[in-house]
Protein backbone atom coordinates (compact mmCIF):
# COMPACT_ATOMS: atom_id res chain seq x y z
CA UNK A 1 136.39 -87.52 100.97
CA UNK A 2 139.40 -85.20 101.32
CA UNK A 3 137.50 -81.94 100.92
CA UNK A 4 136.31 -79.77 103.77
CA UNK A 5 132.86 -78.30 103.30
CA UNK A 6 131.36 -75.38 105.18
CA UNK A 7 129.71 -77.81 107.59
CA UNK A 8 133.09 -79.33 108.49
CA UNK A 9 134.60 -75.91 109.26
CA UNK A 10 131.61 -74.94 111.39
CA UNK A 11 131.98 -78.16 113.34
CA UNK A 12 135.68 -77.47 113.92
CA UNK A 13 134.90 -73.94 115.14
CA UNK A 14 132.17 -75.17 117.50
CA UNK A 15 134.50 -77.79 118.98
CA UNK A 16 137.28 -75.21 119.43
CA UNK A 17 134.89 -72.84 121.24
CA UNK A 18 133.68 -75.66 123.48
CA UNK A 19 137.23 -76.75 124.33
CA UNK A 20 138.88 -73.37 124.87
CA UNK A 21 136.04 -70.91 125.43
CA UNK A 22 135.65 -67.60 123.64
CA UNK A 23 138.04 -65.72 125.91
CA UNK A 24 141.00 -68.05 125.29
CA UNK A 25 140.67 -68.42 121.52
CA UNK A 26 142.68 -65.27 120.66
CA UNK A 27 145.52 -66.41 122.92
CA UNK A 28 145.50 -69.87 121.32
CA UNK A 29 145.60 -68.30 117.85
CA UNK A 30 148.45 -65.98 118.81
CA UNK A 31 150.44 -68.86 120.26
CA UNK A 32 149.88 -70.94 117.15
CA UNK A 33 151.00 -68.08 114.90
CA UNK A 34 154.16 -67.53 116.95
CA UNK A 35 154.96 -71.23 116.79
CA UNK A 36 154.60 -71.26 113.01
CA UNK A 37 156.74 -68.12 112.72
CA UNK A 38 159.48 -69.65 114.91
CA UNK A 39 159.37 -72.85 112.88
CA UNK A 40 159.84 -70.92 109.62
CA UNK A 41 162.79 -68.99 111.03
CA UNK A 42 164.38 -72.22 112.25
CA UNK A 43 164.05 -73.69 108.76
CA UNK A 44 165.77 -70.70 107.16
CA UNK A 45 168.93 -71.22 109.18
CA UNK A 46 171.36 -68.79 110.76
CA UNK A 47 172.79 -67.44 107.48
CA UNK A 48 169.51 -66.00 106.26
CA UNK A 49 168.68 -64.62 109.71
CA UNK A 50 171.85 -62.49 109.59
CA UNK A 51 170.83 -61.09 106.20
CA UNK A 52 167.34 -60.18 107.39
CA UNK A 53 168.33 -58.71 110.76
CA UNK A 54 169.46 -55.29 109.41
CA UNK A 55 166.26 -54.96 107.38
CA UNK A 56 164.12 -55.56 110.46
CA UNK A 57 166.08 -53.00 112.50
CA UNK A 58 165.57 -50.37 109.80
CA UNK A 59 161.82 -51.02 109.77
CA UNK A 60 161.58 -50.65 113.53
CA UNK A 61 163.37 -47.26 113.40
CA UNK A 62 160.97 -45.89 110.80
């Protein structure tokens, strides 16, 4: 009952294509990914963000 089979995933994909169309699916996926990323950073809290900020700046310079 709780398992998703291949048929279930195909049905979900078909419904998503019908609702959003093929041209909007990448934008929907990108928005969803950004929302998840922002949620994770909000859970970490401000202390861990300060620790990670210098690491991210160094990666951008490289």
